[in-house]
C-alpha atoms as a PDB file:
ATOM      1  CA  MET A   1     139.828 111.582 139.619  1.00  0.00           C
ATOM      2  CA  ILE A   2     139.408 110.729 135.716  1.00  0.00           C
ATOM      3  CA  LEU A   3     139.637 114.671 135.186  1.00  0.00           C
ATOM      4  CA  SER A   4     142.676 114.704 137.455  1.00  0.00           C
ATOM      5  CA  ALA A   5     144.152 111.939 135.475  1.00  0.00           C
ATOM      6  CA  LEU A   6     143.351 113.726 132.285  1.00  0.00           C
ATOM      7  CA  GLY A   7     144.938 116.872 133.539  1.00  0.00           C
ATOM      8  CA  PHE A   8     148.094 115.353 134.301  1.00  0.00           C
ATOM      9  CA  ALA A   9     148.371 113.299 131.095  1.00  0.00           C
ATOM     10  CA  LEU A  10     147.552 116.723 129.108  1.00  0.00           C
ATOM     11  CA  MET A  11     150.237 118.473 131.192  1.00  0.00           C
ATOM     12  CA  ALA A  12     152.799 115.768 130.313  1.00  0.00           C
ATOM     13  CA  ALA A  13     151.961 115.966 126.554  1.00  0.00           C
ATOM     14  CA  LEU A  14     152.478 119.597 126.707  1.00  0.00           C
ATOM     15  CA  VAL A  15     155.753 119.188 128.490  1.00  0.00           C
ATOM     16  CA  LYS A  16     156.861 116.969 125.730  1.00  0.00           C
ATOM     17  CA  VAL A  17     155.659 119.249 123.051  1.00  0.00           C
ATOM     18  CA  ALA A  18     157.643 122.132 124.725  1.00  0.00           C
ATOM     19  CA  GLY A  19     160.816 119.886 124.792  1.00  0.00           C
ATOM     20  CA  LEU A  20     160.485 118.915 121.177  1.00  0.00           C
ATOM     21  CA  ARG A  21     160.276 122.669 120.559  1.00  0.00           C
ATOM     22  CA  SER A  22     163.772 123.027 122.128  1.00  0.00           C
ATOM     23  CA  PHE A  23     162.394 124.748 125.351  1.00  0.00           C
ATOM     24  CA  PRO A  24     164.786 123.846 128.181  1.00  0.00           C
ATOM     25  CA  VAL A  25     163.255 121.750 131.091  1.00  0.00           C
ATOM     26  CA  LEU A  26     163.957 124.715 133.497  1.00  0.00           C
ATOM     27  CA  GLN A  27     162.028 127.159 131.407  1.00  0.00           C
ATOM     28  CA  ILE A  28     159.161 124.820 131.486  1.00  0.00           C
ATOM     29  CA  ILE A  29     159.218 124.348 135.319  1.00  0.00           C
ATOM     30  CA  ALA A  30     159.522 127.990 135.629  1.00  0.00           C
ATOM     31  CA  ALA A  31     156.131 128.506 133.416  1.00  0.00           C
ATOM     32  CA  ARG A  32     154.514 125.877 135.546  1.00  0.00           C
ATOM     33  CA  ALA A  33     155.479 127.496 138.745  1.00  0.00           C
ATOM     34  CA  PHE A  34     154.659 131.023 137.764  1.00  0.00           C
ATOM     35  CA  VAL A  35     151.083 129.664 136.972  1.00  0.00           C
ATOM     36  CA  SER A  36     150.836 127.542 140.241  1.00  0.00           C
ATOM     37  CA  LEU A  37     152.277 130.429 142.385  1.00  0.00           C
ATOM     38  CA  GLY A  38     149.780 132.909 141.555  1.00  0.00           C
ATOM     39  CA  ILE A  39     146.924 130.287 142.145  1.00  0.00           C
ATOM     40  CA  SER A  40     148.317 128.990 145.274  1.00  0.00           C
ATOM     41  CA  TRP A  41     148.859 132.576 146.688  1.00  0.00           C
ATOM     42  CA  TRP A  42     145.242 133.358 145.729  1.00  0.00           C
ATOM     43  CA  ASP A  43     144.095 130.319 147.636  1.00  0.00           C
ATOM     44  CA  THR A  44     145.887 131.135 150.925  1.00  0.00           C
ATOM     45  CA  HIS A  45     144.736 134.662 150.642  1.00  0.00           C
ATOM     46  CA  ARG A  46     141.113 133.416 150.206  1.00  0.00           C
ATOM     47  CA  LYS A  47     141.516 131.459 153.348  1.00  0.00           C
ATOM     48  CA  GLY A  48     142.930 134.375 155.245  1.00  0.00           C
ATOM     49  CA  ILE A  49     146.068 132.474 156.263  1.00  0.00           C
ATOM     50  CA  SER A  50     149.684 133.391 155.992  1.00  0.00           C
ATOM     51  CA  PRO A  51     151.293 131.601 152.854  1.00  0.00           C
ATOM     52  CA  LEU A  52     154.456 131.247 154.698  1.00  0.00           C
ATOM     53  CA  GLY A  53     153.500 128.858 157.350  1.00  0.00           C
ATOM     54  CA  THR A  54     155.368 128.112 160.574  1.00  0.00           C
ATOM     55  CA  HIS A  55     157.478 125.069 159.857  1.00  0.00           C
ATOM     56  CA  ARG A  56     159.416 126.705 157.111  1.00  0.00           C
ATOM     57  CA  ARG A  57     162.376 124.432 157.053  1.00  0.00           C
ATOM     58  CA  LEU A  58     160.454 121.441 156.338  1.00  0.00           C
ATOM     59  CA  LEU A  59     158.278 123.389 153.812  1.00  0.00           C
ATOM     60  CA  PHE A  60     161.356 124.508 152.124  1.00  0.00           C
ATOM     61  CA  ALA A  61     162.607 120.925 151.926  1.00  0.00           C
ATOM     62  CA  ARG A  62     159.344 119.597 150.338  1.00  0.00           C
ATOM     63  CA  GLY A  63     159.632 122.492 147.645  1.00  0.00           C
ATOM     64  CA  LEU A  64     163.349 121.764 146.908  1.00  0.00           C
ATOM     65  CA  ILE A  65     162.811 117.865 146.752  1.00  0.00           C
ATOM     66  CA  GLY A  66     159.887 118.626 144.617  1.00  0.00           C
ATOM     67  CA  PHE A  67     161.685 120.792 142.392  1.00  0.00           C
ATOM     68  CA  LEU A  68     164.678 118.420 141.904  1.00  0.00           C
ATOM     69  CA  ALA A  69     162.222 115.542 141.266  1.00  0.00           C
ATOM     70  CA  LEU A  70     160.144 117.628 138.782  1.00  0.00           C
ATOM     71  CA  MET A  71     163.545 118.287 136.670  1.00  0.00           C
ATOM     72  CA  CYS A  72     163.904 114.532 136.464  1.00  0.00           C
ATOM     73  CA  VAL A  73     160.355 113.772 135.681  1.00  0.00           C
ATOM     74  CA  TYR A  74     160.091 116.336 132.843  1.00  0.00           C
ATOM     75  CA  SER A  75     163.326 115.435 131.177  1.00  0.00           C
ATOM     76  CA  ALA A  76     162.161 111.695 131.236  1.00  0.00           C
ATOM     77  CA  VAL A  77     158.840 112.836 129.694  1.00  0.00           C
ATOM     78  CA  ILE A  78     160.546 114.572 126.866  1.00  0.00           C
ATOM     79  CA  HIS A  79     162.844 111.951 125.908  1.00  0.00           C
ATOM     80  CA  LEU A  80     160.772 108.665 126.570  1.00  0.00           C
ATOM     81  CA  PRO A  81     157.605 107.593 125.155  1.00  0.00           C
ATOM     82  CA  LEU A  82     154.860 109.173 127.075  1.00  0.00           C
ATOM     83  CA  ALA A  83     153.252 105.955 128.298  1.00  0.00           C
ATOM     84  CA  GLU A  84     156.457 104.428 129.472  1.00  0.00           C
ATOM     85  CA  ALA A  85     157.350 107.789 131.268  1.00  0.00           C
ATOM     86  CA  THR A  86     154.121 107.776 133.163  1.00  0.00           C
ATOM     87  CA  ILE A  87     154.545 104.073 133.915  1.00  0.00           C
ATOM     88  CA  LEU A  88     158.017 104.739 135.364  1.00  0.00           C
ATOM     89  CA  GLN A  89     156.591 107.367 137.735  1.00  0.00           C
ATOM     90  CA  TYR A  90     154.271 104.767 139.295  1.00  0.00           C
ATOM     91  CA  THR A  91     157.225 103.064 140.879  1.00  0.00           C
ATOM     92  CA  HIS A  92     156.912 106.067 143.506  1.00  0.00           C
ATOM     93  CA  PRO A  93     155.443 103.640 146.244  1.00  0.00           C
ATOM     94  CA  ILE A  94     158.485 101.848 146.670  1.00  0.00           C
ATOM     95  CA  PHE A  95     160.654 104.853 147.508  1.00  0.00           C
ATOM     96  CA  THR A  96     157.609 106.262 149.618  1.00  0.00           C
ATOM     97  CA  LEU A  97     157.800 103.118 151.747  1.00  0.00           C
ATOM     98  CA  LEU A  98     161.487 103.079 152.110  1.00  0.00           C
ATOM     99  CA  PHE A  99     161.654 106.856 153.225  1.00  0.00           C
ATOM    100  CA  ALA A 100     158.578 106.528 155.406  1.00  0.00           C
ATOM    101  CA  LEU A 101     160.242 103.401 156.963  1.00  0.00           C
ATOM    102  CA  VAL A 102     163.230 105.472 157.913  1.00  0.00           C
ATOM    103  CA  ALA A 103     161.681 108.900 158.514  1.00  0.00           C
ATOM    104  CA  LEU A 104     158.212 107.909 159.973  1.00  0.00           C
ATOM    105  CA  SER A 105     158.762 104.344 161.389  1.00  0.00           C
ATOM    106  CA  GLU A 106     155.735 103.288 159.516  1.00  0.00           C
ATOM    107  CA  ALA A 107     154.857  99.505 159.567  1.00  0.00           C
ATOM    108  CA  VAL A 108     154.993  97.378 156.326  1.00  0.00           C
ATOM    109  CA  ASN A 109     152.212  95.275 155.701  1.00  0.00           C
ATOM    110  CA  ARG A 110     151.983  92.242 153.210  1.00  0.00           C
ATOM    111  CA  SER A 111     150.318  94.291 150.444  1.00  0.00           C
ATOM    112  CA  THR A 112     152.989  96.913 150.487  1.00  0.00           C
ATOM    113  CA  LEU A 113     155.675  94.405 150.251  1.00  0.00           C
ATOM    114  CA  LEU A 114     153.667  92.694 147.345  1.00  0.00           C
ATOM    115  CA  CYS A 115     153.496  96.066 145.584  1.00  0.00           C
ATOM    116  CA  ILE A 116     157.406  96.422 145.719  1.00  0.00           C
ATOM    117  CA  ALA A 117     157.961  92.890 144.395  1.00  0.00           C
ATOM    118  CA  LEU A 118     155.438  93.527 141.433  1.00  0.00           C
ATOM    119  CA  SER A 119     156.887  96.885 140.669  1.00  0.00           C
ATOM    120  CA  ILE A 120     160.539  95.535 140.675  1.00  0.00           C
ATOM    121  CA  LEU A 121     159.282  92.516 138.589  1.00  0.00           C
ATOM    122  CA  GLY A 122     157.645  94.995 136.191  1.00  0.00           C
ATOM    123  CA  LEU A 123     160.712  97.197 135.861  1.00  0.00           C
ATOM    124  CA  MET A 124     162.942  94.126 135.094  1.00  0.00           C
ATOM    125  CA  VAL A 125     160.290  93.496 132.210  1.00  0.00           C
ATOM    126  CA  ILE A 126     160.281  96.913 130.806  1.00  0.00           C
ATOM    127  CA  LEU A 127     164.158  97.193 130.690  1.00  0.00           C
ATOM    128  CA  GLN A 128     164.718  93.999 129.198  1.00  0.00           C
ATOM    129  CA  PRO A 129     167.225  94.037 126.316  1.00  0.00           C
ATOM    130  CA  ALA A 130     165.928  94.846 122.729  1.00  0.00           C
ATOM    131  CA  ALA A 131     166.066  91.291 121.796  1.00  0.00           C
ATOM    132  CA  GLY A 132     163.483  90.473 124.454  1.00  0.00           C
ATOM    133  CA  LEU A 133     159.532  90.690 124.391  1.00  0.00           C
ATOM    134  CA  GLY A 134     158.300  92.448 121.183  1.00  0.00           C
ATOM    135  CA  GLY A 135     161.706  93.096 119.856  1.00  0.00           C
ATOM    136  CA  SER A 136     161.425  96.688 120.498  1.00  0.00           C
ATOM    137  CA  PRO A 137     164.361  99.028 121.081  1.00  0.00           C
ATOM    138  CA  ALA A 138     165.549  99.258 124.685  1.00  0.00           C
ATOM    139  CA  LEU A 139     164.714 102.381 126.545  1.00  0.00           C
ATOM    140  CA  PRO A 140     167.567 105.001 127.046  1.00  0.00           C
ATOM    141  CA  THR A 141     169.234 104.021 130.227  1.00  0.00           C
ATOM    142  CA  TYR A 142     170.038 107.546 131.304  1.00  0.00           C
ATOM    143  CA  TYR A 143     166.641 108.915 130.966  1.00  0.00           C
ATOM    144  CA  VAL A 144     165.221 105.835 132.406  1.00  0.00           C
ATOM    145  CA  PHE A 145     167.329 106.440 135.503  1.00  0.00           C
ATOM    146  CA  LEU A 146     166.133 110.059 135.670  1.00  0.00           C
ATOM    147  CA  ALA A 147     162.632 108.699 135.594  1.00  0.00           C
ATOM    148  CA  LEU A 148     163.205 106.500 138.525  1.00  0.00           C
ATOM    149  CA  LEU A 149     165.017 109.293 140.359  1.00  0.00           C
ATOM    150  CA  GLY A 150     162.035 111.537 139.811  1.00  0.00           C
ATOM    151  CA  ALA A 151     159.973 108.812 141.235  1.00  0.00           C
ATOM    152  CA  ALA A 152     162.306 108.649 144.278  1.00  0.00           C
ATOM    153  CA  GLY A 153     162.050 112.329 144.669  1.00  0.00           C
ATOM    154  CA  SER A 154     158.184 112.059 144.447  1.00  0.00           C
ATOM    155  CA  GLY A 155     158.350 109.552 147.244  1.00  0.00           C
ATOM    156  CA  ALA A 156     160.527 111.514 149.484  1.00  0.00           C
ATOM    157  CA  ALA A 157     158.211 114.505 148.870  1.00  0.00           C
ATOM    158  CA  TYR A 158     155.140 112.291 149.875  1.00  0.00           C
ATOM    159  CA  VAL A 159     156.805 111.496 153.201  1.00  0.00           C
ATOM    160  CA  ILE A 160     157.479 115.337 154.011  1.00  0.00           C
ATOM    161  CA  VAL A 161     153.743 116.090 152.972  1.00  0.00           C
ATOM    162  CA  ARG A 162     152.534 113.265 155.338  1.00  0.00           C
ATOM    163  CA  LYS A 163     154.784 114.678 158.075  1.00  0.00           C
ATOM    164  CA  LEU A 164     153.545 118.414 157.452  1.00  0.00           C
ATOM    165  CA  ALA A 165     149.665 117.555 156.828  1.00  0.00           C
ATOM    166  CA  PRO A 166     148.869 117.697 160.731  1.00  0.00           C
ATOM    167  CA  LEU A 167     151.115 120.922 161.194  1.00  0.00           C
ATOM    168  CA  GLU A 168     150.211 123.006 158.341  1.00  0.00           C
ATOM    169  CA  ASP A 169     147.168 123.931 156.053  1.00  0.00           C
ATOM    170  CA  SER A 170     147.179 122.082 152.904  1.00  0.00           C
ATOM    171  CA  SER A 171     147.124 125.308 150.873  1.00  0.00           C
ATOM    172  CA  VAL A 172     150.474 126.499 152.570  1.00  0.00           C
ATOM    173  CA  ILE A 173     151.896 123.143 151.782  1.00  0.00           C
ATOM    174  CA  ILE A 174     151.145 123.411 148.027  1.00  0.00           C
ATOM    175  CA  PHE A 175     152.264 127.090 147.994  1.00  0.00           C
ATOM    176  CA  TYR A 176     155.874 126.181 148.865  1.00  0.00           C
ATOM    177  CA  PHE A 177     156.128 124.088 145.865  1.00  0.00           C
ATOM    178  CA  PRO A 178     156.137 126.649 143.141  1.00  0.00           C
ATOM    179  CA  LEU A 179     157.612 129.282 145.749  1.00  0.00           C
ATOM    180  CA  VAL A 180     160.867 127.200 145.668  1.00  0.00           C
ATOM    181  CA  CYS A 181     160.544 126.129 141.971  1.00  0.00           C
ATOM    182  CA  LEU A 182     160.125 129.536 140.299  1.00  0.00           C
ATOM    183  CA  PRO A 183     163.283 131.215 141.685  1.00  0.00           C
ATOM    184  CA  ALA A 184     165.426 128.047 141.595  1.00  0.00           C
ATOM    185  CA  ALA A 185     164.318 127.499 137.789  1.00  0.00           C
ATOM    186  CA  LEU A 186     165.083 131.224 137.100  1.00  0.00           C
ATOM    187  CA  LEU A 187     168.441 131.251 138.938  1.00  0.00           C
ATOM    188  CA  LEU A 188     169.747 128.059 137.292  1.00  0.00           C
ATOM    189  CA  GLY A 189     168.413 128.323 133.743  1.00  0.00           C
ATOM    190  CA  TRP A 190     167.560 131.868 132.823  1.00  0.00           C
ATOM    191  CA  ARG A 191     170.718 132.234 130.466  1.00  0.00           C
ATOM    192  CA  ASP A 192     169.313 129.314 128.232  1.00  0.00           C
ATOM    193  CA  PHE A 193     165.710 130.455 128.181  1.00  0.00           C
ATOM    194  CA  ILE A 194     164.326 131.292 124.795  1.00  0.00           C
ATOM    195  CA  MET A 195     161.738 133.747 123.640  1.00  0.00           C
ATOM    196  CA  PRO A 196     158.542 132.045 122.859  1.00  0.00           C
ATOM    197  CA  THR A 197     155.938 132.851 120.128  1.00  0.00           C
ATOM    198  CA  THR A 198     152.432 133.600 121.066  1.00  0.00           C
ATOM    199  CA  TRP A 199     151.534 129.779 120.184  1.00  0.00           C
ATOM    200  CA  GLU A 200     154.336 128.511 122.481  1.00  0.00           C
ATOM    201  CA  CYS A 201     153.148 130.992 125.234  1.00  0.00           C
ATOM    202  CA  LEU A 202     149.831 129.065 125.186  1.00  0.00           C
ATOM    203  CA  ILE A 203     151.651 125.672 125.527  1.00  0.00           C
ATOM    204  CA  LEU A 204     153.794 126.736 128.418  1.00  0.00           C
ATOM    205  CA  LEU A 205     150.605 128.304 130.108  1.00  0.00           C
ATOM    206  CA  GLY A 206     148.829 125.047 129.366  1.00  0.00           C
ATOM    207  CA  VAL A 207     151.426 123.223 131.327  1.00  0.00           C
ATOM    208  CA  GLY A 208     150.671 125.056 134.407  1.00  0.00           C
ATOM    209  CA  ILE A 209     146.820 125.169 133.812  1.00  0.00           C
ATOM    210  CA  PHE A 210     146.658 121.433 133.278  1.00  0.00           C
ATOM    211  CA  THR A 211     148.839 120.807 136.453  1.00  0.00           C
ATOM    212  CA  GLN A 212     146.227 122.845 138.330  1.00  0.00           C
ATOM    213  CA  ILE A 213     143.249 120.863 137.020  1.00  0.00           C
ATOM    214  CA  GLY A 214     144.988 117.737 137.934  1.00  0.00           C
ATOM    215  CA  GLN A 215     145.686 118.727 141.523  1.00  0.00           C
ATOM    216  CA  TRP A 216     142.252 120.157 141.953  1.00  0.00           C
ATOM    217  CA  GLY A 217     140.695 116.892 140.801  1.00  0.00           C
ATOM    218  CA  LEU A 218     142.903 114.826 143.087  1.00  0.00           C
ATOM    219  CA  THR A 219     142.196 117.062 146.023  1.00  0.00           C
ATOM    220  CA  LYS A 220     138.508 116.935 145.488  1.00  0.00           C
ATOM    221  CA  GLY A 221     138.337 113.306 144.806  1.00  0.00           C
ATOM    222  CA  LEU A 222     140.077 112.683 148.018  1.00  0.00           C
ATOM    223  CA  ALA A 223     137.792 115.044 149.949  1.00  0.00           C
ATOM    224  CA  LEU A 224     134.702 113.167 148.509  1.00  0.00           C
ATOM    225  CA  HIS A 225     135.625 109.590 148.947  1.00  0.00           C
ATOM    226  CA  LYS A 226     137.917 106.772 150.678  1.00  0.00           C
ATOM    227  CA  ALA A 227     141.469 107.632 149.788  1.00  0.00           C
ATOM    228  CA  GLY A 228     142.191 103.992 148.637  1.00  0.00           C
ATOM    229  CA  THR A 229     139.246 103.765 146.199  1.00  0.00           C
ATOM    230  CA  VAL A 230     139.776 107.279 144.819  1.00  0.00           C
ATOM    231  CA  VAL A 231     143.617 106.902 144.186  1.00  0.00           C
ATOM    232  CA  ALA A 232     142.925 103.641 142.271  1.00  0.00           C
ATOM    233  CA  PHE A 233     141.069 105.872 139.538  1.00  0.00           C
ATOM    234  CA  SER A 234     144.405 107.718 138.974  1.00  0.00           C
ATOM    235  CA  TYR A 235     145.782 104.894 137.056  1.00  0.00           C
ATOM    236  CA  VAL A 236     143.656 105.815 134.184  1.00  0.00           C
ATOM    237  CA  GLN A 237     146.445 108.208 133.363  1.00  0.00           C
ATOM    238  CA  VAL A 238     148.554 105.324 131.966  1.00  0.00           C
ATOM    239  CA  PRO A 239     146.080 104.569 129.007  1.00  0.00           C
ATOM    240  CA  ILE A 240     145.487 108.187 128.513  1.00  0.00           C
ATOM    241  CA  ALA A 241     149.180 108.856 128.071  1.00  0.00           C
ATOM    242  CA  ALA A 242     149.284 105.793 125.628  1.00  0.00           C
ATOM    243  CA  VAL A 243     146.495 107.462 123.548  1.00  0.00           C
ATOM    244  CA  LEU A 244     148.219 110.943 123.607  1.00  0.00           C
ATOM    245  CA  GLY A 245     151.637 109.510 122.768  1.00  0.00           C
ATOM    246  CA  LEU A 246     149.785 107.496 119.824  1.00  0.00           C
ATOM    247  CA  LEU A 247     147.775 110.255 118.293  1.00  0.00           C
ATOM    248  CA  PHE A 248     150.385 113.085 118.805  1.00  0.00           C
ATOM    249  CA  PHE A 249     153.850 111.816 118.874  1.00  0.00           C
ATOM    250  CA  ASN A 250     153.287 108.377 116.853  1.00  0.00           C
ATOM    251  CA  GLU A 251     154.183 106.425 119.777  1.00  0.00           C
ATOM    252  CA  SER A 252     153.160 102.791 120.693  1.00  0.00           C
ATOM    253  CA  LEU A 253     153.555 100.691 123.845  1.00  0.00           C
ATOM    254  CA  SER A 254     155.747  97.460 123.138  1.00  0.00           C
ATOM    255  CA  LEU A 255     154.875  94.382 124.601  1.00  0.00           C
ATOM    256  CA  SER A 256     157.392  94.493 127.235  1.00  0.00           C
ATOM    257  CA  SER A 257     156.259  97.939 128.568  1.00  0.00           C
ATOM    258  CA  LEU A 258     152.647  96.798 128.446  1.00  0.00           C
ATOM    259  CA  LEU A 259     153.264  93.652 130.568  1.00  0.00           C
ATOM    260  CA  GLY A 260     155.849  95.454 132.883  1.00  0.00           C
ATOM    261  CA  GLY A 261     153.426  98.476 133.369  1.00  0.00           C
ATOM    262  CA  SER A 262     150.511  96.195 134.103  1.00  0.00           C
ATOM    263  CA  LEU A 263     152.506  94.533 137.037  1.00  0.00           C
ATOM    264  CA  ILE A 264     153.564  98.028 138.327  1.00  0.00           C
ATOM    265  CA  ILE A 265     149.946  99.289 138.177  1.00  0.00           C
ATOM    266  CA  LEU A 266     148.753  96.017 139.723  1.00  0.00           C
ATOM    267  CA  GLY A 267     151.181  96.295 142.700  1.00  0.00           C
ATOM    268  CA  ALA A 268     150.429 100.143 143.372  1.00  0.00           C
ATOM    269  CA  TRP A 269     146.459  99.149 143.131  1.00  0.00           C
ATOM    270  CA  ILE A 270     146.824  96.134 145.633  1.00  0.00           C
ATOM    271  CA  ASN A 271     148.640  98.603 147.937  1.00  0.00           C
ATOM    272  CA  THR A 272     146.031 101.184 147.642  1.00  0.00           C
ATOM    273  CA  LYS A 273     143.110  98.904 148.266  1.00  0.00           C
ATOM    274  CA  GLU A 274     144.736  97.597 151.423  1.00  0.00           C
ATOM    275  CA  LYS A 275     144.678 100.961 152.842  1.00  0.00           C
ATOM    276  CA  ALA A 276     141.361 101.954 151.730  1.00  0.00           C
END
């Protein structure tokens, strides 16, 4: 799980590097999807199963929602400090609960309600005016909104995956994400794509590779131990992102982001421990 957190944090850092080098978000998504599609197809072929599955409408919906969420998340990563963008992504339990309540009729327990309360409180602290804690400039509202929209999309995608889990092989579910992302990114963004140098090709390739490392570590960790205990280790991605932001982008966490982020992660951790 620590390897997974490192993989996802390095993926986000490379997304930020690519964005700062003027690569469009859709080109970065296309590069990631190209790598993921090849690996995911190989995985289904290795298992001897059809990559297209049987519940194709639901699989396509998972891929489409994931694509829309990824556009929001990558835009936020490029334009917000790396640690703050990562923290805002951890509000997804709020949206997962709301969508699961409607779509799956799941019960709400006290730990989940506490998670929501702490997450909302943490958001209020992070989004406080510039004159607040630490005297740091306020985060740009538009990209904070995109980060939260990306978290909402992640929550919706998680609910669809829950519904698909007993119906389709996990490799098929994973395969549909890049299967939708790659043609969608090419169709919508090809006019703005720019020709990368050799070094920039490695950056874009790294986005896909570190994504797969993150997903592999997550999947392997969940297979080896209780989900609640394992997922708790994923929160180490936030301090890793903070270190990468400081080392490579000269970013530092404000006091308000540190306090607000701690509340959000505490809420997510409590919710996870209850389900362990």
